[in-house]
Amino acid sequence: MARGCRYYERDLGPLARTAEGVPLSNAELAIALLAPSRQPTARHIRLAAALLGAADESAADVAALAVDENCAGIVRYIALCGSRFEPGNPFWTDLLSALPETEIDRDHLPHPTRFVEMTGIDRGKVGTFIRWIRARSQVAA
């Protein structure tokens, strides 16, 4: 949550105090959440997608981490969803190009709409507004 993933804070309940200054990038933390040994839940996958959407590393580096940690399939799925909802974002295209072709078991992954905020009426205007949920920097109050 401290990385700007406040969108999911309401789902988590009381949190344990975390160590300060952990030297992990958003991309490294996302890949750690997706590691198969952790048996990632839908929440972990959604948080990882938000962190990848604000990735602070190159797509090639993220792809290499995903391959090294044996989670390239889930990262590929997230990137496919990202390219669907943000077709103008070159990060998703670059990430898809850097990842190996892998079989994706979509039955055990969150629906693509779980990675975005979507509304039908926004400020009195009817229409669909869609925005990828990503870690956002803290805004001063």
N, C-alpha and C. Protein backbone atom coordinates (compact mmCIF):
# COMPACT_ATOMS: atom_id res chain seq x y z
N MET A 1 0.82 -1.18 0.00
CA MET A 1 0.00 0.00 0.00
C MET A 1 0.87 1.25 0.00
N ALA A 2 2.01 1.17 0.65
CA ALA A 2 2.90 2.33 0.71
C ALA A 2 3.50 2.65 -0.65
N ARG A 3 3.40 1.74 -1.60
CA ARG A 3 3.92 1.98 -2.95
C ARG A 3 2.89 2.65 -3.84
N GLY A 4 1.75 3.03 -3.29
CA GLY A 4 0.75 3.73 -4.08
C GLY A 4 -0.36 2.84 -4.58
N CYS A 5 -0.50 1.65 -4.05
CA CYS A 5 -1.57 0.72 -4.44
C CYS A 5 -2.76 0.86 -3.51
N ARG A 6 -3.14 2.05 -3.19
CA ARG A 6 -4.23 2.32 -2.25
C ARG A 6 -5.57 1.79 -2.74
N TYR A 7 -5.70 1.57 -4.03
CA TYR A 7 -6.95 1.06 -4.58
C TYR A 7 -7.35 -0.24 -3.88
N TYR A 8 -6.38 -1.08 -3.51
CA TYR A 8 -6.66 -2.37 -2.90
C TYR A 8 -6.64 -2.35 -1.38
N GLU A 9 -6.36 -1.22 -0.78
CA GLU A 9 -6.22 -1.15 0.67
C GLU A 9 -7.47 -1.60 1.40
N ARG A 10 -8.63 -1.28 0.87
CA ARG A 10 -9.87 -1.62 1.57
C ARG A 10 -10.09 -3.13 1.68
N ASP A 11 -9.40 -3.91 0.90
CA ASP A 11 -9.57 -5.37 0.91
C ASP A 11 -8.66 -6.08 1.91
N LEU A 12 -7.72 -5.39 2.50
CA LEU A 12 -6.68 -6.08 3.22
C LEU A 12 -6.86 -6.20 4.73
N GLY A 13 -7.61 -5.32 5.34
CA GLY A 13 -7.75 -5.38 6.78
C GLY A 13 -6.48 -4.91 7.47
N PRO A 14 -6.30 -5.25 8.76
CA PRO A 14 -5.11 -4.78 9.48
C PRO A 14 -3.84 -5.37 8.88
N LEU A 15 -2.84 -4.50 8.75
CA LEU A 15 -1.57 -4.93 8.17
C LEU A 15 -0.48 -4.94 9.22
N ALA A 16 0.43 -5.86 9.06
CA ALA A 16 1.60 -5.89 9.93
C ALA A 16 2.54 -4.77 9.52
N ARG A 17 3.25 -4.24 10.45
CA ARG A 17 4.22 -3.18 10.16
C ARG A 17 5.30 -3.77 9.26
N THR A 18 5.68 -3.04 8.23
CA THR A 18 6.69 -3.54 7.30
C THR A 18 8.03 -2.89 7.56
N ALA A 19 9.07 -3.56 7.11
CA ALA A 19 10.41 -2.99 7.24
C ALA A 19 10.54 -1.79 6.32
N GLU A 20 11.17 -0.77 6.79
CA GLU A 20 11.35 0.45 5.99
C GLU A 20 12.52 0.27 5.03
N GLY A 21 12.43 0.95 3.91
CA GLY A 21 13.55 1.02 2.99
C GLY A 21 13.96 -0.29 2.34
N VAL A 22 13.01 -1.17 2.03
CA VAL A 22 13.34 -2.42 1.37
C VAL A 22 13.77 -2.08 -0.06
N PRO A 23 14.97 -2.47 -0.45
CA PRO A 23 15.50 -2.05 -1.75
C PRO A 23 14.98 -2.89 -2.94
N LEU A 24 13.68 -2.97 -3.08
CA LEU A 24 13.08 -3.68 -4.22
C LEU A 24 12.38 -2.66 -5.11
N SER A 25 12.54 -2.81 -6.40
CA SER A 25 11.80 -1.96 -7.32
C SER A 25 10.36 -2.46 -7.38
N ASN A 26 9.47 -1.67 -7.96
CA ASN A 26 8.08 -2.11 -8.14
C ASN A 26 8.03 -3.39 -8.96
N ALA A 27 8.85 -3.48 -9.99
CA ALA A 27 8.86 -4.67 -10.84
C ALA A 27 9.32 -5.90 -10.05
N GLU A 28 10.37 -5.74 -9.24
CA GLU A 28 10.86 -6.87 -8.44
C GLU A 28 9.82 -7.31 -7.43
N LEU A 29 9.14 -6.37 -6.80
CA LEU A 29 8.09 -6.72 -5.85
C LEU A 29 6.93 -7.42 -6.56
N ALA A 30 6.57 -6.95 -7.75
CA ALA A 30 5.50 -7.59 -8.52
C ALA A 30 5.85 -9.04 -8.83
N ILE A 31 7.06 -9.27 -9.29
CA ILE A 31 7.49 -10.64 -9.62
C ILE A 31 7.53 -11.50 -8.37
N ALA A 32 7.95 -10.93 -7.25
CA ALA A 32 7.96 -11.68 -5.98
C ALA A 32 6.54 -12.10 -5.59
N LEU A 33 5.56 -11.23 -5.84
CA LEU A 33 4.16 -11.57 -5.53
C LEU A 33 3.65 -12.71 -6.42
N LEU A 34 4.23 -12.85 -7.61
CA LEU A 34 3.76 -13.84 -8.57
C LEU A 34 4.52 -15.16 -8.52
N ALA A 35 5.54 -15.24 -7.70
CA ALA A 35 6.35 -16.46 -7.64
C ALA A 35 5.48 -17.67 -7.34
N PRO A 36 5.60 -18.73 -8.13
CA PRO A 36 4.76 -19.92 -7.94
C PRO A 36 4.87 -20.53 -6.54
N SER A 37 6.01 -20.40 -5.90
CA SER A 37 6.17 -20.96 -4.56
C SER A 37 5.26 -20.26 -3.55
N ARG A 38 4.83 -19.04 -3.84
CA ARG A 38 3.91 -18.31 -2.97
C ARG A 38 2.46 -18.70 -3.23
N GLN A 39 2.21 -19.41 -4.31
CA GLN A 39 0.85 -19.74 -4.73
C GLN A 39 0.00 -18.47 -4.74
N PRO A 40 0.29 -17.58 -5.70
CA PRO A 40 -0.36 -16.26 -5.70
C PRO A 40 -1.88 -16.34 -5.79
N THR A 41 -2.52 -15.55 -4.97
CA THR A 41 -3.98 -15.44 -4.99
C THR A 41 -4.38 -14.39 -6.02
N ALA A 42 -5.68 -14.26 -6.26
CA ALA A 42 -6.16 -13.24 -7.19
C ALA A 42 -5.73 -11.85 -6.72
N ARG A 43 -5.75 -11.61 -5.42
CA ARG A 43 -5.31 -10.32 -4.88
C ARG A 43 -3.84 -10.07 -5.17
N HIS A 44 -3.00 -11.08 -4.99
CA HIS A 44 -1.57 -10.92 -5.29
C HIS A 44 -1.37 -10.60 -6.77
N ILE A 45 -2.11 -11.26 -7.62
CA ILE A 45 -1.98 -11.03 -9.07
C ILE A 45 -2.42 -9.61 -9.41
N ARG A 46 -3.51 -9.16 -8.81
CA ARG A 46 -3.99 -7.79 -9.08
C ARG A 46 -3.01 -6.75 -8.56
N LEU A 47 -2.45 -6.96 -7.38
CA LEU A 47 -1.44 -6.04 -6.86
C LEU A 47 -0.20 -6.03 -7.75
N ALA A 48 0.22 -7.21 -8.20
CA ALA A 48 1.38 -7.29 -9.10
C ALA A 48 1.10 -6.55 -10.41
N ALA A 49 -0.11 -6.67 -10.92
CA ALA A 49 -0.47 -5.97 -12.16
C ALA A 49 -0.39 -4.45 -11.96
N ALA A 50 -0.83 -3.98 -10.80
CA ALA A 50 -0.76 -2.54 -10.51
C ALA A 50 0.70 -2.09 -10.43
N LEU A 51 1.54 -2.89 -9.81
CA LEU A 51 2.96 -2.55 -9.71
C LEU A 51 3.64 -2.61 -11.07
N LEU A 52 3.30 -3.59 -11.89
CA LEU A 52 3.88 -3.67 -13.23
C LEU A 52 3.43 -2.50 -14.09
N GLY A 53 2.19 -2.04 -13.88
CA GLY A 53 1.70 -0.89 -14.63
C GLY A 53 2.48 0.37 -14.34
N ALA A 54 3.15 0.40 -13.21
CA ALA A 54 3.99 1.54 -12.84
C ALA A 54 5.45 1.11 -12.80
N ALA A 55 5.77 0.12 -13.61
CA ALA A 55 7.11 -0.47 -13.58
C ALA A 55 8.19 0.58 -13.73
N ASP A 56 9.21 0.44 -12.91
CA ASP A 56 10.33 1.37 -12.93
C ASP A 56 11.56 0.72 -13.56
N GLU A 57 11.33 -0.34 -14.29
CA GLU A 57 12.40 -1.04 -15.00
C GLU A 57 11.97 -1.25 -16.44
N SER A 58 12.91 -1.59 -17.29
CA SER A 58 12.58 -1.83 -18.69
C SER A 58 11.78 -3.11 -18.83
N ALA A 59 11.04 -3.20 -19.92
CA ALA A 59 10.25 -4.40 -20.19
C ALA A 59 11.15 -5.62 -20.29
N ALA A 60 12.33 -5.46 -20.88
CA ALA A 60 13.27 -6.59 -21.01
C ALA A 60 13.71 -7.09 -19.64
N ASP A 61 13.96 -6.17 -18.71
CA ASP A 61 14.37 -6.57 -17.35
C ASP A 61 13.23 -7.27 -16.62
N VAL A 62 12.00 -6.77 -16.79
CA VAL A 62 10.84 -7.41 -16.16
C VAL A 62 10.65 -8.81 -16.73
N ALA A 63 10.78 -8.95 -18.05
CA ALA A 63 10.62 -10.27 -18.68
C ALA A 63 11.69 -11.23 -18.17
N ALA A 64 12.92 -10.76 -18.04
CA ALA A 64 14.00 -11.63 -17.54
C ALA A 64 13.71 -12.08 -16.11
N LEU A 65 13.22 -11.16 -15.27
CA LEU A 65 12.84 -11.54 -13.90
C LEU A 65 11.72 -12.58 -13.90
N ALA A 66 10.73 -12.37 -14.76
CA ALA A 66 9.60 -13.30 -14.83
C ALA A 66 10.05 -14.69 -15.25
N VAL A 67 10.94 -14.76 -16.21
CA VAL A 67 11.47 -16.06 -16.66
C VAL A 67 12.28 -16.70 -15.54
N ASP A 68 13.15 -15.92 -14.91
CA ASP A 68 13.99 -16.44 -13.82
C ASP A 68 13.15 -16.98 -12.66
N GLU A 69 12.02 -16.34 -12.38
CA GLU A 69 11.19 -16.73 -11.25
C GLU A 69 10.03 -17.65 -11.65
N ASN A 70 10.04 -18.09 -12.90
CA ASN A 70 9.06 -19.08 -13.39
C ASN A 70 7.62 -18.59 -13.32
N CYS A 71 7.41 -17.31 -13.62
CA CYS A 71 6.06 -16.77 -13.64
C CYS A 71 5.77 -15.99 -14.93
N ALA A 72 6.47 -16.36 -16.00
CA ALA A 72 6.31 -15.67 -17.28
C ALA A 72 4.89 -15.78 -17.81
N GLY A 73 4.19 -16.88 -17.55
CA GLY A 73 2.82 -17.05 -18.03
C GLY A 73 1.87 -16.03 -17.42
N ILE A 74 1.98 -15.83 -16.11
CA ILE A 74 1.11 -14.86 -15.45
C ILE A 74 1.46 -13.44 -15.90
N VAL A 75 2.75 -13.14 -16.03
CA VAL A 75 3.17 -11.81 -16.48
C VAL A 75 2.70 -11.58 -17.91
N ARG A 76 2.75 -12.61 -18.74
CA ARG A 76 2.26 -12.50 -20.12
C ARG A 76 0.76 -12.19 -20.12
N TYR A 77 0.03 -12.87 -19.27
CA TYR A 77 -1.41 -12.61 -19.16
C TYR A 77 -1.68 -11.16 -18.76
N ILE A 78 -0.95 -10.68 -17.75
CA ILE A 78 -1.11 -9.29 -17.31
C ILE A 78 -0.78 -8.35 -18.46
N ALA A 79 0.30 -8.63 -19.18
CA ALA A 79 0.70 -7.77 -20.30
C ALA A 79 -0.34 -7.79 -21.42
N LEU A 80 -0.94 -8.95 -21.68
CA LEU A 80 -2.01 -9.02 -22.69
C LEU A 80 -3.19 -8.15 -22.27
N CYS A 81 -3.54 -8.23 -21.00
CA CYS A 81 -4.63 -7.40 -20.48
C CYS A 81 -4.26 -5.92 -20.56
N GLY A 82 -3.02 -5.61 -20.20
CA GLY A 82 -2.55 -4.23 -20.27
C GLY A 82 -2.60 -3.68 -21.68
N SER A 83 -2.18 -4.49 -22.65
CA SER A 83 -2.20 -4.02 -24.04
C SER A 83 -3.63 -3.88 -24.56
N ARG A 84 -4.54 -4.65 -24.00
CA ARG A 84 -5.95 -4.53 -24.39
C ARG A 84 -6.55 -3.22 -23.90
N PHE A 85 -6.26 -2.86 -22.64
CA PHE A 85 -6.86 -1.67 -22.06
C PHE A 85 -6.03 -0.41 -22.27
N GLU A 86 -4.75 -0.56 -22.55
CA GLU A 86 -3.88 0.58 -22.82
C GLU A 86 -3.09 0.32 -24.11
N PRO A 87 -3.77 0.28 -25.23
CA PRO A 87 -3.08 -0.06 -26.48
C PRO A 87 -1.99 0.95 -26.86
N GLY A 88 -2.04 2.16 -26.33
CA GLY A 88 -1.03 3.16 -26.64
C GLY A 88 0.17 3.15 -25.71
N ASN A 89 0.18 2.26 -24.73
CA ASN A 89 1.28 2.19 -23.77
C ASN A 89 2.34 1.23 -24.31
N PRO A 90 3.50 1.74 -24.70
CA PRO A 90 4.53 0.87 -25.30
C PRO A 90 5.11 -0.16 -24.33
N PHE A 91 4.97 0.07 -23.01
CA PHE A 91 5.52 -0.88 -22.05
C PHE A 91 4.91 -2.27 -22.25
N TRP A 92 3.58 -2.33 -22.43
CA TRP A 92 2.92 -3.63 -22.57
C TRP A 92 3.37 -4.34 -23.85
N THR A 93 3.48 -3.61 -24.95
CA THR A 93 3.92 -4.20 -26.21
C THR A 93 5.36 -4.71 -26.08
N ASP A 94 6.22 -3.89 -25.48
CA ASP A 94 7.61 -4.30 -25.29
C ASP A 94 7.72 -5.51 -24.37
N LEU A 95 6.89 -5.55 -23.34
CA LEU A 95 6.91 -6.68 -22.41
C LEU A 95 6.46 -7.95 -23.12
N LEU A 96 5.40 -7.86 -23.91
CA LEU A 96 4.93 -9.04 -24.65
C LEU A 96 6.00 -9.54 -25.61
N SER A 97 6.72 -8.63 -26.25
CA SER A 97 7.77 -9.01 -27.18
C SER A 97 8.94 -9.69 -26.47
N ALA A 98 9.21 -9.27 -25.24
CA ALA A 98 10.35 -9.80 -24.49
C ALA A 98 10.05 -11.12 -23.79
N LEU A 99 8.77 -11.41 -23.57
CA LEU A 99 8.40 -12.64 -22.86
C LEU A 99 8.33 -13.82 -23.83
N PRO A 100 8.66 -15.01 -23.35
CA PRO A 100 8.52 -16.19 -24.22
C PRO A 100 7.04 -16.53 -24.41
N GLU A 101 6.74 -17.17 -25.52
CA GLU A 101 5.38 -17.67 -25.75
C GLU A 101 5.14 -18.79 -24.74
N THR A 102 4.14 -18.63 -23.92
CA THR A 102 3.81 -19.65 -22.93
C THR A 102 2.32 -19.89 -22.94
N GLU A 103 1.94 -21.07 -22.51
CA GLU A 103 0.52 -21.39 -22.39
C GLU A 103 0.01 -20.74 -21.12
N ILE A 104 -1.16 -20.12 -21.22
CA ILE A 104 -1.73 -19.40 -20.08
C ILE A 104 -3.03 -20.08 -19.66
N ASP A 105 -3.10 -20.47 -18.40
CA ASP A 105 -4.31 -21.07 -17.85
C ASP A 105 -5.20 -19.95 -17.32
N ARG A 106 -6.04 -19.40 -18.19
CA ARG A 106 -6.87 -18.24 -17.84
C ARG A 106 -7.94 -18.58 -16.81
N ASP A 107 -8.26 -19.85 -16.63
CA ASP A 107 -9.31 -20.23 -15.68
C ASP A 107 -8.93 -19.93 -14.24
N HIS A 108 -7.64 -19.83 -13.96
CA HIS A 108 -7.19 -19.59 -12.59
C HIS A 108 -6.60 -18.20 -12.41
N LEU A 109 -6.92 -17.29 -13.33
CA LEU A 109 -6.42 -15.92 -13.25
C LEU A 109 -7.59 -14.95 -13.18
N PRO A 110 -7.38 -13.79 -12.59
CA PRO A 110 -8.48 -12.81 -12.50
C PRO A 110 -8.95 -12.39 -13.89
N HIS A 111 -10.23 -12.08 -13.99
CA HIS A 111 -10.79 -11.59 -15.25
C HIS A 111 -10.07 -10.29 -15.61
N PRO A 112 -9.86 -10.03 -16.90
CA PRO A 112 -9.14 -8.81 -17.30
C PRO A 112 -9.71 -7.52 -16.71
N THR A 113 -11.00 -7.46 -16.48
CA THR A 113 -11.59 -6.24 -15.93
C THR A 113 -11.21 -6.00 -14.47
N ARG A 114 -10.59 -6.97 -13.83
CA ARG A 114 -10.17 -6.80 -12.43
C ARG A 114 -8.89 -5.98 -12.33
N PHE A 115 -8.26 -5.66 -13.47
CA PHE A 115 -7.05 -4.85 -13.47
C PHE A 115 -7.33 -3.38 -13.76
N VAL A 116 -8.59 -3.03 -13.97
CA VAL A 116 -8.94 -1.66 -14.35
C VAL A 116 -10.07 -1.12 -13.48
N GLU A 117 -10.13 0.21 -13.43
CA GLU A 117 -11.28 0.90 -12.88
C GLU A 117 -12.18 1.17 -14.07
N MET A 118 -13.47 0.93 -13.91
CA MET A 118 -14.38 1.10 -15.03
C MET A 118 -15.68 1.70 -14.51
N THR A 119 -16.17 2.69 -15.21
CA THR A 119 -17.42 3.31 -14.82
C THR A 119 -18.28 3.52 -16.04
N GLY A 120 -19.58 3.55 -15.85
CA GLY A 120 -20.51 3.80 -16.95
C GLY A 120 -20.96 5.24 -17.00
N ILE A 121 -20.97 5.92 -15.84
CA ILE A 121 -21.34 7.33 -15.79
C ILE A 121 -20.26 8.04 -14.99
N ASP A 122 -19.66 9.06 -15.60
CA ASP A 122 -18.59 9.79 -14.95
C ASP A 122 -18.87 11.29 -15.07
N ARG A 123 -19.11 11.92 -13.92
CA ARG A 123 -19.39 13.36 -13.88
C ARG A 123 -20.55 13.73 -14.80
N GLY A 124 -21.59 12.92 -14.75
CA GLY A 124 -22.80 13.21 -15.51
C GLY A 124 -22.76 12.79 -16.97
N LYS A 125 -21.62 12.31 -17.44
CA LYS A 125 -21.51 11.88 -18.83
C LYS A 125 -21.65 10.37 -18.89
N VAL A 126 -22.52 9.92 -19.77
CA VAL A 126 -22.71 8.49 -19.93
C VAL A 126 -21.65 7.99 -20.90
N GLY A 127 -21.03 6.91 -20.56
CA GLY A 127 -19.99 6.32 -21.38
C GLY A 127 -19.03 5.57 -20.48
N THR A 128 -18.26 4.73 -21.03
CA THR A 128 -17.35 3.93 -20.23
C THR A 128 -16.01 4.63 -20.10
N PHE A 129 -15.60 4.83 -18.88
CA PHE A 129 -14.28 5.36 -18.57
C PHE A 129 -13.49 4.19 -18.00
N ILE A 130 -12.34 3.89 -18.61
CA ILE A 130 -11.52 2.77 -18.16
C ILE A 130 -10.11 3.27 -17.88
N ARG A 131 -9.58 2.88 -16.73
CA ARG A 131 -8.22 3.26 -16.37
C ARG A 131 -7.54 2.08 -15.69
N TRP A 132 -6.32 1.76 -16.16
CA TRP A 132 -5.53 0.69 -15.55
C TRP A 132 -5.22 1.08 -14.11
N ILE A 133 -5.43 0.17 -13.19
CA ILE A 133 -5.11 0.42 -11.79
C ILE A 133 -3.60 0.22 -11.64
N ARG A 134 -2.93 1.26 -11.22
CA ARG A 134 -1.48 1.15 -11.06
C ARG A 134 -1.05 1.88 -9.80
N ALA A 135 0.12 1.52 -9.36
CA ALA A 135 0.70 2.21 -8.21
C ALA A 135 0.92 3.65 -8.61
N ARG A 136 0.45 4.53 -7.79
CA ARG A 136 0.57 5.97 -8.08
C ARG A 136 1.36 6.61 -6.94
N SER A 137 2.13 7.62 -7.28
CA SER A 137 2.91 8.30 -6.25
C SER A 137 1.96 8.98 -5.27
N GLN A 138 2.45 9.16 -4.07
CA GLN A 138 1.65 9.78 -3.02
C GLN A 138 1.38 11.24 -3.39
N VAL A 139 0.17 11.68 -3.17
CA VAL A 139 -0.20 13.06 -3.45
C VAL A 139 -0.34 13.79 -2.12
N ALA A 140 0.28 14.93 -2.01
CA ALA A 140 0.19 15.70 -0.77
C ALA A 140 -1.24 16.13 -0.53
N ALA A 141 -1.69 16.05 0.71
CA ALA A 141 -3.08 16.41 1.05
C ALA A 141 -3.28 17.90 1.08
